[in-house]
Amino acid sequence: QVQLVESGGGLVQPGGSLRLSCAASGRLFSINVMGWYRQAPGKQRELVATITRDGRPNYADSVKGRFTISRDNAKNTVYLQMNSLNPEDTAVYYCNADLVVPTAQGRHIVGYWGQGTQVSVSS
């Protein structure tokens, strides 16, 4: 069974840093775009950052210059380095990936979500 497993969330003081990881496992051929989204209490889920298979990143304006997304294709893993965190970054962070998986008809691209990891920024 294919799944995305996140790790690295936690509680940090304003100005601090955290690094999130998300690893894909199971039967898959490859991974296209990978990314991170977040959802704060009472708000809609929003894009944080995405990265293509060849390493081209895209960031939400609110995190540009503070967050860095990267990936290791050999490990099927995407990372999010978060620096200069502030209370507005508090949310559940979700990993998302477009996985190329085997099907009875051959192979298909299917979007998967991780279970989410809590990031809390507070003094």
C-alpha atoms as a PDB file:
ATOM      1  CA  GLN A   1       0.000   0.000   0.000  1.00  0.00           C
ATOM      2  CA  VAL A   2       1.374   3.370  -0.997  1.00  0.00           C
ATOM      3  CA  GLN A   3       1.539   6.011   1.686  1.00  0.00           C
ATOM      4  CA  LEU A   4       3.194   9.257   2.687  1.00  0.00           C
ATOM      5  CA  VAL A   5       4.585   9.472   6.203  1.00  0.00           C
ATOM      6  CA  GLU A   6       5.507  12.840   7.690  1.00  0.00           C
ATOM      7  CA  SER A   7       7.768  13.628  10.623  1.00  0.00           C
ATOM      8  CA  GLY A   8       9.465  16.568  12.262  1.00  0.00           C
ATOM      9  CA  GLY A   9       6.658  18.691  13.637  1.00  0.00           C
ATOM     10  CA  GLY A  10       6.590  20.083  17.136  1.00  0.00           C
ATOM     11  CA  LEU A  11       6.567  23.150  19.338  1.00  0.00           C
ATOM     12  CA  VAL A  12       9.086  25.911  18.735  1.00  0.00           C
ATOM     13  CA  GLN A  13       9.553  29.472  19.943  1.00  0.00           C
ATOM     14  CA  PRO A  14       9.153  32.427  17.588  1.00  0.00           C
ATOM     15  CA  GLY A  15      12.276  32.848  15.506  1.00  0.00           C
ATOM     16  CA  GLY A  16      13.095  29.173  15.757  1.00  0.00           C
ATOM     17  CA  SER A  17      13.462  26.486  13.121  1.00  0.00           C
ATOM     18  CA  LEU A  18      12.004  23.102  12.291  1.00  0.00           C
ATOM     19  CA  ARG A  19      12.601  20.604   9.522  1.00  0.00           C
ATOM     20  CA  LEU A  20       9.767  18.470   8.207  1.00  0.00           C
ATOM     21  CA  SER A  21      10.264  15.256   6.270  1.00  0.00           C
ATOM     22  CA  CYS A  22       7.852  13.210   4.196  1.00  0.00           C
ATOM     23  CA  ALA A  23       8.713   9.805   2.782  1.00  0.00           C
ATOM     24  CA  ALA A  24       6.718   7.871   0.225  1.00  0.00           C
ATOM     25  CA  SER A  25       6.629   4.110   0.536  1.00  0.00           C
ATOM     26  CA  GLY A  26       4.974   1.192  -1.210  1.00  0.00           C
ATOM     27  CA  ARG A  27       4.766   0.099  -4.806  1.00  0.00           C
ATOM     28  CA  LEU A  28       5.400   3.084  -7.040  1.00  0.00           C
ATOM     29  CA  PHE A  29       7.347   3.832 -10.186  1.00  0.00           C
ATOM     30  CA  SER A  30       8.264   7.448  -9.555  1.00  0.00           C
ATOM     31  CA  ILE A  31       7.110  10.700  -8.000  1.00  0.00           C
ATOM     32  CA  ASN A  32       6.249  13.850  -9.890  1.00  0.00           C
ATOM     33  CA  VAL A  33       5.504  17.046  -7.973  1.00  0.00           C
ATOM     34  CA  MET A  34       5.856  16.926  -4.188  1.00  0.00           C
ATOM     35  CA  GLY A  35       4.747  19.630  -1.842  1.00  0.00           C
ATOM     36  CA  TRP A  36       3.651  20.903   1.535  1.00  0.00           C
ATOM     37  CA  TYR A  37       0.341  22.441   2.496  1.00  0.00           C
ATOM     38  CA  ARG A  38      -0.906  23.686   5.847  1.00  0.00           C
ATOM     39  CA  GLN A  39      -4.179  24.224   7.595  1.00  0.00           C
ATOM     40  CA  ALA A  40      -4.591  26.489  10.578  1.00  0.00           C
ATOM     41  CA  PRO A  41      -7.631  26.242  12.892  1.00  0.00           C
ATOM     42  CA  GLY A  42     -10.678  27.734  11.236  1.00  0.00           C
ATOM     43  CA  LYS A  43      -8.904  28.286   7.932  1.00  0.00           C
ATOM     44  CA  GLN A  44      -8.733  26.511   4.603  1.00  0.00           C
ATOM     45  CA  ARG A  45      -5.788  24.369   3.630  1.00  0.00           C
ATOM     46  CA  GLU A  46      -3.234  26.452   1.763  1.00  0.00           C
ATOM     47  CA  LEU A  47      -0.167  25.854  -0.351  1.00  0.00           C
ATOM     48  CA  VAL A  48       3.186  26.314   1.358  1.00  0.00           C
ATOM     49  CA  ALA A  49       5.651  25.073  -1.244  1.00  0.00           C
ATOM     50  CA  THR A  50       6.017  22.583  -4.066  1.00  0.00           C
ATOM     51  CA  ILE A  51       8.969  21.127  -5.921  1.00  0.00           C
ATOM     52  CA  THR A  52       9.170  19.376  -9.262  1.00  0.00           C
ATOM     53  CA  ARG A  53      11.035  16.164  -9.867  1.00  0.00           C
ATOM     54  CA  ASP A  54      13.960  18.101 -11.327  1.00  0.00           C
ATOM     55  CA  GLY A  55      14.117  20.364  -8.292  1.00  0.00           C
ATOM     56  CA  ARG A  56      12.281  23.525  -9.290  1.00  0.00           C
ATOM     57  CA  PRO A  57      10.610  25.061  -6.212  1.00  0.00           C
ATOM     58  CA  ASN A  58       7.568  27.230  -5.833  1.00  0.00           C
ATOM     59  CA  TYR A  59       6.668  29.070  -2.615  1.00  0.00           C
ATOM     60  CA  ALA A  60       3.740  30.884  -1.137  1.00  0.00           C
ATOM     61  CA  ASP A  61       4.535  34.568  -0.677  1.00  0.00           C
ATOM     62  CA  SER A  62       4.117  34.237   3.089  1.00  0.00           C
ATOM     63  CA  VAL A  63       7.062  31.827   3.407  1.00  0.00           C
ATOM     64  CA  LYS A  64       9.463  33.079   0.726  1.00  0.00           C
ATOM     65  CA  GLY A  65      12.901  33.688   2.153  1.00  0.00           C
ATOM     66  CA  ARG A  66      12.133  31.717   5.322  1.00  0.00           C
ATOM     67  CA  PHE A  67      11.235  28.211   4.136  1.00  0.00           C
ATOM     68  CA  THR A  68      13.192  25.946   1.805  1.00  0.00           C
ATOM     69  CA  ILE A  69      11.758  22.880   0.101  1.00  0.00           C
ATOM     70  CA  SER A  70      14.027  20.125  -1.183  1.00  0.00           C
ATOM     71  CA  ARG A  71      13.771  16.478  -2.164  1.00  0.00           C
ATOM     72  CA  ASP A  72      15.837  13.336  -2.413  1.00  0.00           C
ATOM     73  CA  ASN A  73      14.531  11.275  -5.318  1.00  0.00           C
ATOM     74  CA  ALA A  74      16.591   8.239  -4.327  1.00  0.00           C
ATOM     75  CA  LYS A  75      14.818   8.208  -0.962  1.00  0.00           C
ATOM     76  CA  ASN A  76      11.387   9.265  -2.269  1.00  0.00           C
ATOM     77  CA  THR A  77      11.482  11.997   0.345  1.00  0.00           C
ATOM     78  CA  VAL A  78      10.636  15.681   0.427  1.00  0.00           C
ATOM     79  CA  TYR A  79      11.820  18.099   3.117  1.00  0.00           C
ATOM     80  CA  LEU A  80      10.714  21.491   4.359  1.00  0.00           C
ATOM     81  CA  GLN A  81      13.262  23.561   6.257  1.00  0.00           C
ATOM     82  CA  MET A  82      11.415  26.254   8.160  1.00  0.00           C
ATOM     83  CA  ASN A  83      13.363  29.165   9.608  1.00  0.00           C
ATOM     84  CA  SER A  84      12.318  32.381  11.349  1.00  0.00           C
ATOM     85  CA  LEU A  85       9.059  30.798  12.395  1.00  0.00           C
ATOM     86  CA  ASN A  86       6.320  33.027  13.755  1.00  0.00           C
ATOM     87  CA  PRO A  87       2.972  32.279  15.411  1.00  0.00           C
ATOM     88  CA  GLU A  88       1.174  32.715  12.075  1.00  0.00           C
ATOM     89  CA  ASP A  89       2.974  29.575  10.868  1.00  0.00           C
ATOM     90  CA  THR A  90       1.123  27.465  13.439  1.00  0.00           C
ATOM     91  CA  ALA A  91      -0.868  24.825  11.577  1.00  0.00           C
ATOM     92  CA  VAL A  92      -1.088  21.185  10.670  1.00  0.00           C
ATOM     93  CA  TYR A  93       1.326  20.639   7.795  1.00  0.00           C
ATOM     94  CA  TYR A  94       0.422  18.089   5.149  1.00  0.00           C
ATOM     95  CA  CYS A  95       2.653  16.453   2.593  1.00  0.00           C
ATOM     96  CA  ASN A  96       1.266  15.951  -0.901  1.00  0.00           C
ATOM     97  CA  ALA A  97       2.728  14.045  -3.825  1.00  0.00           C
ATOM     98  CA  ASP A  98       1.740  12.928  -7.301  1.00  0.00           C
ATOM     99  CA  LEU A  99       2.810   9.294  -7.380  1.00  0.00           C
ATOM    100  CA  VAL A 100       3.116   7.159 -10.487  1.00  0.00           C
ATOM    101  CA  VAL A 101       1.710   3.829  -9.305  1.00  0.00           C
ATOM    102  CA  PRO A 102       0.994   0.491 -10.966  1.00  0.00           C
ATOM    103  CA  THR A 103      -2.583  -0.367 -11.831  1.00  0.00           C
ATOM    104  CA  ALA A 104      -4.281  -3.202 -13.680  1.00  0.00           C
ATOM    105  CA  GLN A 105      -4.228  -0.983 -16.777  1.00  0.00           C
ATOM    106  CA  GLY A 106      -0.548  -0.106 -16.483  1.00  0.00           C
ATOM    107  CA  ARG A 107       0.442   2.973 -14.536  1.00  0.00           C
ATOM    108  CA  HIS A 108      -1.390   6.066 -13.338  1.00  0.00           C
ATOM    109  CA  ILE A 109      -0.571   9.307 -11.575  1.00  0.00           C
ATOM    110  CA  VAL A 110      -2.420   9.491  -8.276  1.00  0.00           C
ATOM    111  CA  GLY A 111      -2.337  12.282  -5.734  1.00  0.00           C
ATOM    112  CA  TYR A 112      -1.642  11.256  -2.148  1.00  0.00           C
ATOM    113  CA  TRP A 113      -1.756  13.105   1.152  1.00  0.00           C
ATOM    114  CA  GLY A 114       0.110  12.423   4.342  1.00  0.00           C
ATOM    115  CA  GLN A 115      -1.602  12.258   7.710  1.00  0.00           C
ATOM    116  CA  GLY A 116      -0.385  15.686   8.787  1.00  0.00           C
ATOM    117  CA  THR A 117       2.059  16.887  11.426  1.00  0.00           C
ATOM    118  CA  GLN A 118       1.418  19.674  13.917  1.00  0.00           C
ATOM    119  CA  VAL A 119       3.691  22.712  13.947  1.00  0.00           C
ATOM    120  CA  SER A 120       3.132  25.117  16.818  1.00  0.00           C
ATOM    121  CA  VAL A 121       5.010  28.390  17.214  1.00  0.00           C
ATOM    122  CA  SER A 122       4.598  29.968  20.621  1.00  0.00           C
ATOM    123  CA  SER A 123       6.580  31.531  23.422  1.00  0.00           C
END
